[in-house]
PDB file of N, CA and C in Angstrom:
ATOM      1  N   MET A   1     -42.472 171.609 313.060  1.00  0.00           N
ATOM      2  CA  MET A   1     -42.472 170.439 312.247  1.00  0.00           C
ATOM      3  C   MET A   1     -41.524 170.566 311.019  1.00  0.00           C
ATOM      4  N   ASN A   2     -41.612 171.706 310.387  1.00  0.00           N
ATOM      5  CA  ASN A   2     -40.751 171.961 309.234  1.00  0.00           C
ATOM      6  C   ASN A   2     -39.242 171.844 309.636  1.00  0.00           C
ATOM      7  N   GLN A   3     -38.968 172.411 310.800  1.00  0.00           N
ATOM      8  CA  GLN A   3     -37.521 172.364 311.292  1.00  0.00           C
ATOM      9  C   GLN A   3     -37.066 170.929 311.495  1.00  0.00           C
ATOM     10  N   LEU A   4     -37.957 170.127 312.080  1.00  0.00           N
ATOM     11  CA  LEU A   4     -37.614 168.699 312.253  1.00  0.00           C
ATOM     12  C   LEU A   4     -37.422 168.036 310.930  1.00  0.00           C
ATOM     13  N   ARG A   5     -38.285 168.382 309.964  1.00  0.00           N
ATOM     14  CA  ARG A   5     -38.132 167.765 308.645  1.00  0.00           C
ATOM     15  C   ARG A   5     -36.832 168.153 307.910  1.00  0.00           C
ATOM     16  N   ARG A   6     -36.415 169.368 308.096  1.00  0.00           N
ATOM     17  CA  ARG A   6     -35.188 169.877 307.564  1.00  0.00           C
ATOM     18  C   ARG A   6     -34.000 169.207 308.196  1.00  0.00           C
ATOM     19  N   GLN A   7     -34.065 169.048 309.528  1.00  0.00           N
ATOM     20  CA  GLN A   7     -32.970 168.334 310.233  1.00  0.00           C
ATOM     21  C   GLN A   7     -32.860 166.917 309.808  1.00  0.00           C
ATOM     22  N   LEU A   8     -34.053 166.296 309.639  1.00  0.00           N
ATOM     23  CA  LEU A   8     -34.038 164.900 309.165  1.00  0.00           C
ATOM     24  C   LEU A   8     -33.435 164.776 307.761  1.00  0.00           C
ATOM     25  N   VAL A   9     -33.830 165.658 306.850  1.00  0.00           N
ATOM     26  CA  VAL A   9     -33.288 165.633 305.540  1.00  0.00           C
ATOM     27  C   VAL A   9     -31.782 165.862 305.574  1.00  0.00           C
ATOM     28  N   ASN A  10     -31.395 166.871 306.412  1.00  0.00           N
ATOM     29  CA  ASN A  10     -29.949 167.138 306.568  1.00  0.00           C
ATOM     30  C   ASN A  10     -29.205 165.962 307.095  1.00  0.00           C
ATOM     31  N   ALA A  11     -29.717 165.218 308.044  1.00  0.00           N
ATOM     32  CA  ALA A  11     -29.085 164.038 308.642  1.00  0.00           C
ATOM     33  C   ALA A  11     -28.985 162.926 307.542  1.00  0.00           C
ATOM     34  N   VAL A  12     -30.012 162.782 306.799  1.00  0.00           N
ATOM     35  CA  VAL A  12     -30.015 161.791 305.714  1.00  0.00           C
ATOM     36  C   VAL A  12     -28.943 162.105 304.679  1.00  0.00           C
ATOM     37  N   GLU A  13     -28.837 163.373 304.330  1.00  0.00           N
ATOM     38  CA  GLU A  13     -27.752 163.810 303.402  1.00  0.00           C
ATOM     39  C   GLU A  13     -26.374 163.546 303.933  1.00  0.00           C
ATOM     40  N   ARG A  14     -26.207 163.797 305.233  1.00  0.00           N
ATOM     41  CA  ARG A  14     -24.899 163.569 305.823  1.00  0.00           C
ATOM     42  C   ARG A  14     -24.615 162.015 305.865  1.00  0.00           C
ATOM     43  N   ILE A  15     -25.579 161.257 306.137  1.00  0.00           N
ATOM     44  CA  ILE A  15     -25.350 159.785 306.140  1.00  0.00           C
ATOM     45  C   ILE A  15     -25.054 159.339 304.710  1.00  0.00           C
ATOM     46  N   LYS A  16     -25.695 159.825 303.699  1.00  0.00           N
ATOM     47  CA  LYS A  16     -25.389 159.481 302.315  1.00  0.00           C
ATOM     48  C   LYS A  16     -23.946 159.815 301.973  1.00  0.00           C
ATOM     49  N   THR A  17     -23.553 161.026 302.391  1.00  0.00           N
ATOM     50  CA  THR A  17     -22.177 161.506 302.206  1.00  0.00           C
ATOM     51  C   THR A  17     -21.133 160.557 302.833  1.00  0.00           C
ATOM     52  N   LEU A  18     -21.450 160.220 304.151  1.00  0.00           N
ATOM     53  CA  LEU A  18     -20.557 159.225 304.794  1.00  0.00           C
ATOM     54  C   LEU A  18     -20.498 157.913 304.109  1.00  0.00           C
ATOM     55  N   GLU A  19     -21.642 157.423 303.698  1.00  0.00           N
ATOM     56  CA  GLU A  19     -21.703 156.133 303.003  1.00  0.00           C
ATOM     57  C   GLU A  19     -20.882 156.198 301.700  1.00  0.00           C
ATOM     58  N   LEU A  20     -20.959 157.318 300.995  1.00  0.00           N
ATOM     59  CA  LEU A  20     -20.150 157.385 299.777  1.00  0.00           C
ATOM     60  C   LEU A  20     -18.657 157.486 300.058  1.00  0.00           C
ATOM     61  N   ASP A  21     -18.344 158.121 301.174  1.00  0.00           N
ATOM     62  CA  ASP A  21     -16.919 158.286 301.531  1.00  0.00           C
ATOM     63  C   ASP A  21     -16.369 156.993 302.036  1.00  0.00           C
ATOM     64  N   LEU A  22     -17.140 156.180 302.620  1.00  0.00           N
ATOM     65  CA  LEU A  22     -16.688 154.921 303.249  1.00  0.00           C
ATOM     66  C   LEU A  22     -16.835 153.657 302.360  1.00  0.00           C
ATOM     67  N   GLU A  23     -17.568 153.773 301.316  1.00  0.00           N
ATOM     68  CA  GLU A  23     -17.744 152.639 300.450  1.00  0.00           C
ATOM     69  C   GLU A  23     -16.400 152.230 299.784  1.00  0.00           C
ATOM     70  N   PRO A  24     -16.252 151.027 299.258  1.00  0.00           N
ATOM     71  CA  PRO A  24     -15.030 150.603 298.678  1.00  0.00           C
ATOM     72  C   PRO A  24     -14.411 151.552 297.613  1.00  0.00           C
ATOM     73  N   GLU A  25     -15.250 152.281 296.941  1.00  0.00           N
ATOM     74  CA  GLU A  25     -14.695 153.231 295.926  1.00  0.00           C
ATOM     75  C   GLU A  25     -14.754 154.635 296.323  1.00  0.00           C
ATOM     76  N   GLY A  26     -14.937 154.886 297.649  1.00  0.00           N
ATOM     77  CA  GLY A  26     -15.038 156.226 298.176  1.00  0.00           C
ATOM     78  C   GLY A  26     -13.768 156.898 298.347  1.00  0.00           C
ATOM     79  N   ARG A  27     -13.820 158.232 298.805  1.00  0.00           N
ATOM     80  CA  ARG A  27     -12.600 158.975 298.939  1.00  0.00           C
ATOM     81  C   ARG A  27     -11.712 158.506 300.072  1.00  0.00           C
ATOM     82  N   ILE A  28     -12.264 158.110 301.207  1.00  0.00           N
ATOM     83  CA  ILE A  28     -11.429 157.630 302.286  1.00  0.00           C
ATOM     84  C   ILE A  28     -10.691 156.375 301.934  1.00  0.00           C
ATOM     85  N   THR A  29     -11.391 155.465 301.280  1.00  0.00           N
ATOM     86  CA  THR A  29     -10.737 154.219 300.872  1.00  0.00           C
ATOM     87  C   THR A  29      -9.586 154.513 299.918  1.00  0.00           C
ATOM     88  N   ALA A  30      -9.867 155.482 298.975  1.00  0.00           N
ATOM     89  CA  ALA A  30      -8.818 155.835 297.971  1.00  0.00           C
ATOM     90  C   ALA A  30      -7.631 156.466 298.691  1.00  0.00           C
ATOM     91  N   ALA A  31      -7.907 157.313 299.673  1.00  0.00           N
ATOM     92  CA  ALA A  31      -6.822 157.937 300.433  1.00  0.00           C
ATOM     93  C   ALA A  31      -5.996 156.912 301.185  1.00  0.00           C
ATOM     94  N   PHE A  32      -6.628 155.934 301.767  1.00  0.00           N
ATOM     95  CA  PHE A  32      -5.965 154.787 302.484  1.00  0.00           C
ATOM     96  C   PHE A  32      -5.077 153.967 301.495  1.00  0.00           C
ATOM     97  N   ASP A  33      -5.668 153.760 300.273  1.00  0.00           N
ATOM     98  CA  ASP A  33      -4.885 153.021 299.308  1.00  0.00           C
ATOM     99  C   ASP A  33      -3.674 153.723 298.824  1.00  0.00           C
ATOM    100  N   ALA A  34      -3.772 155.026 298.643  1.00  0.00           N
ATOM    101  CA  ALA A  34      -2.650 155.844 298.224  1.00  0.00           C
ATOM    102  C   ALA A  34      -1.551 155.795 299.388  1.00  0.00           C
ATOM    103  N   MET A  35      -1.982 155.981 300.607  1.00  0.00           N
ATOM    104  CA  MET A  35      -1.055 155.932 301.744  1.00  0.00           C
ATOM    105  C   MET A  35      -0.380 154.572 301.832  1.00  0.00           C
ATOM    106  N   GLU A  36      -1.126 153.535 301.598  1.00  0.00           N
ATOM    107  CA  GLU A  36      -0.530 152.136 301.660  1.00  0.00           C
ATOM    108  C   GLU A  36       0.508 151.943 300.570  1.00  0.00           C
ATOM    109  N   ARG A  37       0.224 152.478 299.405  1.00  0.00           N
ATOM    110  CA  ARG A  37       1.202 152.344 298.294  1.00  0.00           C
ATOM    111  C   ARG A  37       2.443 153.067 298.643  1.00  0.00           C
ATOM    112  N   HIS A  38       2.290 154.307 299.188  1.00  0.00           N
ATOM    113  CA  HIS A  38       3.448 155.119 299.558  1.00  0.00           C
ATOM    114  C   HIS A  38       4.240 154.420 300.605  1.00  0.00           C
ATOM    115  N   ILE A  39       3.658 153.881 301.675  1.00  0.00           N
ATOM    116  CA  ILE A  39       4.346 153.204 302.721  1.00  0.00           C
ATOM    117  C   ILE A  39       5.035 152.015 302.192  1.00  0.00           C
ATOM    118  N   ASP A  40       4.386 151.191 301.374  1.00  0.00           N
ATOM    119  CA  ASP A  40       5.027 150.012 300.750  1.00  0.00           C
ATOM    120  C   ASP A  40       6.254 150.422 299.945  1.00  0.00           C
ATOM    121  N   GLU A  41       6.234 151.457 299.207  1.00  0.00           N
ATOM    122  CA  GLU A  41       7.349 151.933 298.470  1.00  0.00           C
ATOM    123  C   GLU A  41       8.535 152.279 299.390  1.00  0.00           C
ATOM    124  N   LYS A  42       8.228 152.985 300.467  1.00  0.00           N
ATOM    125  CA  LYS A  42       9.241 153.385 301.483  1.00  0.00           C
ATOM    126  C   LYS A  42       9.843 152.186 302.106  1.00  0.00           C
ATOM    127  N   PHE A  43       9.017 151.186 302.488  1.00  0.00           N
ATOM    128  CA  PHE A  43       9.524 149.976 303.112  1.00  0.00           C
ATOM    129  C   PHE A  43      10.460 149.231 302.096  1.00  0.00           C
ATOM    130  N   ALA A  44      10.044 149.180 300.856  1.00  0.00           N
ATOM    131  CA  ALA A  44      10.864 148.512 299.822  1.00  0.00           C
ATOM    132  C   ALA A  44      12.265 149.199 299.704  1.00  0.00           C
ATOM    133  N   ALA A  45      12.254 150.562 299.761  1.00  0.00           N
ATOM    134  CA  ALA A  45      13.519 151.271 299.647  1.00  0.00           C
ATOM    135  C   ALA A  45      14.370 151.020 300.896  1.00  0.00           C
ATOM    136  N   ILE A  46      13.752 151.003 302.050  1.00  0.00           N
ATOM    137  CA  ILE A  46      14.490 150.695 303.276  1.00  0.00           C
ATOM    138  C   ILE A  46      15.098 149.295 303.216  1.00  0.00           C
ATOM    139  N   ASP A  47      14.264 148.327 302.795  1.00  0.00           N
ATOM    140  CA  ASP A  47      14.816 146.889 302.690  1.00  0.00           C
ATOM    141  C   ASP A  47      15.980 146.876 301.772  1.00  0.00           C
ATOM    142  N   LYS A  48      15.953 147.602 300.652  1.00  0.00           N
ATOM    143  CA  LYS A  48      17.001 147.596 299.646  1.00  0.00           C
ATOM    144  C   LYS A  48      18.269 148.190 300.255  1.00  0.00           C
ATOM    145  N   ARG A  49      18.082 149.285 300.951  1.00  0.00           N
ATOM    146  CA  ARG A  49      19.287 149.942 301.677  1.00  0.00           C
ATOM    147  C   ARG A  49      19.801 149.051 302.700  1.00  0.00           C
ATOM    148  N   PHE A  50      18.945 148.378 303.507  1.00  0.00           N
ATOM    149  CA  PHE A  50      19.415 147.496 304.578  1.00  0.00           C
ATOM    150  C   PHE A  50      20.220 146.343 303.948  1.00  0.00           C
ATOM    151  N   ASP A  51      19.731 145.738 302.876  1.00  0.00           N
ATOM    152  CA  ASP A  51      20.477 144.683 302.185  1.00  0.00           C
ATOM    153  C   ASP A  51      21.808 145.106 301.749  1.00  0.00           C
ATOM    154  N   ARG A  52      21.872 146.283 301.147  1.00  0.00           N
ATOM    155  CA  ARG A  52      23.180 146.805 300.702  1.00  0.00           C
ATOM    156  C   ARG A  52      24.080 147.106 301.874  1.00  0.00           C
ATOM    157  N   LEU A  53      23.605 147.645 302.958  1.00  0.00           N
ATOM    158  CA  LEU A  53      24.465 147.905 304.173  1.00  0.00           C
ATOM    159  C   LEU A  53      24.974 146.539 304.700  1.00  0.00           C
ATOM    160  N   ALA A  54      24.091 145.503 304.802  1.00  0.00           N
ATOM    161  CA  ALA A  54      24.544 144.190 305.229  1.00  0.00           C
ATOM    162  C   ALA A  54      25.584 143.630 304.344  1.00  0.00           C
ATOM    163  N   HIS A  55      25.505 143.796 303.049  1.00  0.00           N
ATOM    164  CA  HIS A  55      26.484 143.296 302.101  1.00  0.00           C
ATOM    165  C   HIS A  55      27.816 144.043 302.327  1.00  0.00           C
ATOM    166  N   GLN A  56      27.725 145.347 302.461  1.00  0.00           N
ATOM    167  CA  GLN A  56      28.982 146.124 302.682  1.00  0.00           C
ATOM    168  C   GLN A  56      29.643 145.756 304.036  1.00  0.00           C
ATOM    169  N   PHE A  57      28.804 145.502 305.062  1.00  0.00           N
ATOM    170  CA  PHE A  57      29.330 145.132 306.395  1.00  0.00           C
ATOM    171  C   PHE A  57      30.048 143.737 306.249  1.00  0.00           C
ATOM    172  N   ASN A  58      29.453 142.786 305.532  1.00  0.00           N
ATOM    173  CA  ASN A  58      30.056 141.513 305.397  1.00  0.00           C
ATOM    174  C   ASN A  58      31.364 141.576 304.596  1.00  0.00           C
ATOM    175  N   ARG A  59      31.431 142.410 303.604  1.00  0.00           N
ATOM    176  CA  ARG A  59      32.702 142.627 302.881  1.00  0.00           C
ATOM    177  C   ARG A  59      33.797 143.261 303.777  1.00  0.00           C
ATOM    178  N   LEU A  60      33.343 144.196 304.581  1.00  0.00           N
ATOM    179  CA  LEU A  60      34.362 144.837 305.498  1.00  0.00           C
ATOM    180  C   LEU A  60      34.817 143.810 306.541  1.00  0.00           C
ATOM    181  N   GLN A  61      33.915 143.035 307.014  1.00  0.00           N
ATOM    182  CA  GLN A  61      34.285 142.056 308.041  1.00  0.00           C
ATOM    183  C   GLN A  61      35.227 141.068 307.448  1.00  0.00           C
ATOM    184  N   ALA A  62      35.040 140.619 306.224  1.00  0.00           N
ATOM    185  CA  ALA A  62      35.925 139.672 305.577  1.00  0.00           C
ATOM    186  C   ALA A  62      37.324 140.267 305.365  1.00  0.00           C
ATOM    187  N   LYS A  63      37.323 141.557 304.989  1.00  0.00           N
ATOM    188  CA  LYS A  63      38.621 142.226 304.882  1.00  0.00           C
ATOM    189  C   LYS A  63      39.408 142.310 306.180  1.00  0.00           C
ATOM    190  N   ILE A  64      38.638 142.643 307.270  1.00  0.00           N
ATOM    191  CA  ILE A  64      39.285 142.720 308.558  1.00  0.00           C
ATOM    192  C   ILE A  64      39.847 141.396 308.989  1.00  0.00           C
ATOM    193  N   GLU A  65      39.095 140.354 308.726  1.00  0.00           N
ATOM    194  CA  GLU A  65      39.545 138.987 309.080  1.00  0.00           C
ATOM    195  C   GLU A  65      40.876 138.670 308.332  1.00  0.00           C
ATOM    196  N   VAL A  66      40.913 139.010 307.004  1.00  0.00           N
ATOM    197  CA  VAL A  66      42.150 138.749 306.326  1.00  0.00           C
ATOM    198  C   VAL A  66      43.309 139.511 306.833  1.00  0.00           C
ATOM    199  N   VAL A  67      43.061 140.761 307.193  1.00  0.00           N
ATOM    200  CA  VAL A  67      44.172 141.554 307.789  1.00  0.00           C
ATOM    201  C   VAL A  67      44.577 140.952 309.101  1.00  0.00           C
ATOM    202  N   LEU A  68      43.661 140.615 310.004  1.00  0.00           N
ATOM    203  CA  LEU A  68      44.027 140.047 311.304  1.00  0.00           C
ATOM    204  C   LEU A  68      44.761 138.767 311.139  1.00  0.00           C
ATOM    205  N   GLU A  69      44.310 137.927 310.218  1.00  0.00           N
ATOM    206  CA  GLU A  69      45.051 136.668 309.956  1.00  0.00           C
ATOM    207  C   GLU A  69      46.403 136.887 309.500  1.00  0.00           C
ATOM    208  N   ALA A  70      46.588 137.866 308.653  1.00  0.00           N
ATOM    209  CA  ALA A  70      47.926 138.207 308.178  1.00  0.00           C
ATOM    210  C   ALA A  70      48.895 138.680 309.244  1.00  0.00           C
ATOM    211  N   ILE A  71      48.269 139.484 310.161  1.00  0.00           N
ATOM    212  CA  ILE A  71      49.122 140.052 311.223  1.00  0.00           C
ATOM    213  C   ILE A  71      49.390 139.044 312.345  1.00  0.00           C
ATOM    214  N   THR A  72      48.402 138.304 312.717  1.00  0.00           N
ATOM    215  CA  THR A  72      48.589 137.431 313.890  1.00  0.00           C
ATOM    216  C   THR A  72      48.918 135.949 313.532  1.00  0.00           C
ATOM    217  N   GLY A  73      48.584 135.564 312.344  1.00  0.00           N
ATOM    218  CA  GLY A  73      48.829 134.194 311.913  1.00  0.00           C
ATOM    219  C   GLY A  73      47.782 133.237 312.450  1.00  0.00           C
ATOM    220  N   LEU A  74      46.690 133.753 312.956  1.00  0.00           N
ATOM    221  CA  LEU A  74      45.692 132.912 313.475  1.00  0.00           C
ATOM    222  C   LEU A  74      45.007 131.997 312.425  1.00  0.00           C
ATOM    223  N   GLY A  75      44.985 132.444 311.206  1.00  0.00           N
ATOM    224  CA  GLY A  75      44.398 131.631 310.210  1.00  0.00           C
ATOM    225  C   GLY A  75      45.216 130.336 309.845  1.00  0.00           C
ATOM    226  N   ASP A  76      46.459 130.308 310.249  1.00  0.00           N
ATOM    227  CA  ASP A  76      47.317 129.195 309.973  1.00  0.00           C
ATOM    228  C   ASP A  76      47.241 128.096 311.018  1.00  0.00           C
ATOM    229  N   LEU A  77      46.595 128.393 312.128  1.00  0.00           N
ATOM    230  CA  LEU A  77      46.564 127.467 313.263  1.00  0.00           C
ATOM    231  C   LEU A  77      45.481 126.414 313.113  1.00  0.00           C
ATOM    232  N   PRO A  78      45.769 125.172 313.497  1.00  0.00           N
ATOM    233  CA  PRO A  78      44.670 124.216 313.583  1.00  0.00           C
ATOM    234  C   PRO A  78      43.643 124.625 314.637  1.00  0.00           C
ATOM    235  N   GLU A  79      42.446 124.183 314.550  1.00  0.00           N
ATOM    236  CA  GLU A  79      41.420 124.605 315.527  1.00  0.00           C
ATOM    237  C   GLU A  79      41.671 124.258 316.943  1.00  0.00           C
ATOM    238  N   ASP A  80      42.371 123.158 317.223  1.00  0.00           N
ATOM    239  CA  ASP A  80      42.605 122.685 318.528  1.00  0.00           C
ATOM    240  C   ASP A  80      43.811 123.311 319.234  1.00  0.00           C
ATOM    241  N   GLU A  81      44.645 124.043 318.567  1.00  0.00           N
ATOM    242  CA  GLU A  81      45.821 124.608 319.185  1.00  0.00           C
ATOM    243  C   GLU A  81      45.401 125.762 320.036  1.00  0.00           C
ATOM    244  N   SER A  82      46.040 125.861 321.208  1.00  0.00           N
ATOM    245  CA  SER A  82      45.699 126.894 322.085  1.00  0.00           C
ATOM    246  C   SER A  82      46.334 128.230 321.797  1.00  0.00           C
ATOM    247  N   LEU A  83      45.735 129.306 322.128  1.00  0.00           N
ATOM    248  CA  LEU A  83      46.334 130.620 321.900  1.00  0.00           C
ATOM    249  C   LEU A  83      47.571 130.839 322.807  1.00  0.00           C
ATOM    250  N   SER A  84      47.523 130.382 324.017  1.00  0.00           N
ATOM    251  CA  SER A  84      48.586 130.636 324.957  1.00  0.00           C
ATOM    252  C   SER A  84      49.872 129.975 324.452  1.00  0.00           C
ATOM    253  N   LYS A  85      49.790 128.835 323.811  1.00  0.00           N
ATOM    254  CA  LYS A  85      51.013 128.172 323.351  1.00  0.00           C
ATOM    255  C   LYS A  85      51.677 128.987 322.275  1.00  0.00           C
ATOM    256  N   ASN A  86      50.919 129.678 321.461  1.00  0.00           N
ATOM    257  CA  ASN A  86      51.489 130.498 320.373  1.00  0.00           C
ATOM    258  C   ASN A  86      51.568 132.001 320.657  1.00  0.00           C
ATOM    259  N   ALA A  87      51.343 132.361 321.859  1.00  0.00           N
ATOM    260  CA  ALA A  87      51.297 133.755 322.265  1.00  0.00           C
ATOM    261  C   ALA A  87      52.572 134.500 321.841  1.00  0.00           C
ATOM    262  N   PRO A  88      53.759 133.917 321.977  1.00  0.00           N
ATOM    263  CA  PRO A  88      54.938 134.655 321.631  1.00  0.00           C
ATOM    264  C   PRO A  88      54.965 135.074 320.133  1.00  0.00           C
ATOM    265  N   ASN A  89      54.501 134.126 319.292  1.00  0.00           N
ATOM    266  CA  ASN A  89      54.379 134.452 317.828  1.00  0.00           C
ATOM    267  C   ASN A  89      53.446 135.550 317.543  1.00  0.00           C
ATOM    268  N   TYR A  90      52.298 135.664 318.269  1.00  0.00           N
ATOM    269  CA  TYR A  90      51.328 136.656 318.026  1.00  0.00           C
ATOM    270  C   TYR A  90      51.881 137.982 318.503  1.00  0.00           C
ATOM    271  N   LEU A  91      52.605 138.020 319.645  1.00  0.00           N
ATOM    272  CA  LEU A  91      53.151 139.248 320.158  1.00  0.00           C
ATOM    273  C   LEU A  91      54.240 139.754 319.242  1.00  0.00           C
ATOM    274  N   THR A  92      55.093 138.841 318.746  1.00  0.00           N
ATOM    275  CA  THR A  92      56.164 139.219 317.792  1.00  0.00           C
ATOM    276  C   THR A  92      55.543 139.856 316.548  1.00  0.00           C
ATOM    277  N   ASN A  93      54.462 139.249 316.020  1.00  0.00           N
ATOM    278  CA  ASN A  93      53.850 139.780 314.780  1.00  0.00           C
ATOM    279  C   ASN A  93      53.187 141.155 315.097  1.00  0.00           C
ATOM    280  N   ALA A  94      52.568 141.290 316.246  1.00  0.00           N
ATOM    281  CA  ALA A  94      51.898 142.495 316.636  1.00  0.00           C
ATOM    282  C   ALA A  94      52.934 143.582 316.796  1.00  0.00           C
ATOM    283  N   LEU A  95      54.073 143.315 317.393  1.00  0.00           N
ATOM    284  CA  LEU A  95      55.131 144.287 317.517  1.00  0.00           C
ATOM    285  C   LEU A  95      55.695 144.689 316.214  1.00  0.00           C
ATOM    286  N   ARG A  96      55.895 143.647 315.338  1.00  0.00           N
ATOM    287  CA  ARG A  96      56.481 143.941 314.003  1.00  0.00           C
ATOM    288  C   ARG A  96      55.669 144.829 313.166  1.00  0.00           C
ATOM    289  N   PHE A  97      54.322 144.661 313.192  1.00  0.00           N
ATOM    290  CA  PHE A  97      53.377 145.420 312.415  1.00  0.00           C
ATOM    291  C   PHE A  97      52.970 146.683 313.130  1.00  0.00           C
ATOM    292  N   GLY A  98      53.506 147.003 314.298  1.00  0.00           N
ATOM    293  CA  GLY A  98      53.191 148.253 314.969  1.00  0.00           C
ATOM    294  C   GLY A  98      51.885 148.304 315.693  1.00  0.00           C
ATOM    295  N   ILE A  99      51.289 147.171 315.942  1.00  0.00           N
ATOM    296  CA  ILE A  99      49.999 147.154 316.724  1.00  0.00           C
ATOM    297  C   ILE A  99      50.249 147.494 318.192  1.00  0.00           C
ATOM    298  N   LEU A 100      51.264 146.791 318.690  1.00  0.00           N
ATOM    299  CA  LEU A 100      51.673 146.988 320.106  1.00  0.00           C
ATOM    300  C   LEU A 100      52.982 147.850 320.102  1.00  0.00           C
ATOM    301  N   ARG A 101      53.069 148.770 321.013  1.00  0.00           N
ATOM    302  CA  ARG A 101      54.297 149.540 321.120  1.00  0.00           C
ATOM    303  C   ARG A 101      54.662 149.700 322.529  1.00  0.00           C
TER     304      ARG A 101
END
């Protein structure tokens, strides 16, 4: 009988410990809150780096377009003009700038 009583008291103590750990102000909740803050900080840093990378990519793409327009003269064409009609000009520019050899 005493052994059962000790086991029951022990079980009650374990349940109380679990309740304290799981309650809103308990250790487990605090640990999850700390992990959540850490993860949020990491995601914010990743978002910032991604935005910077996208900005750099857009700048690079714009520079490439300027260079290609200067080499090929594509920027000077009206939208409806066909590429095949002006192909000799593009080839001449490409050869002149050393793109084709």
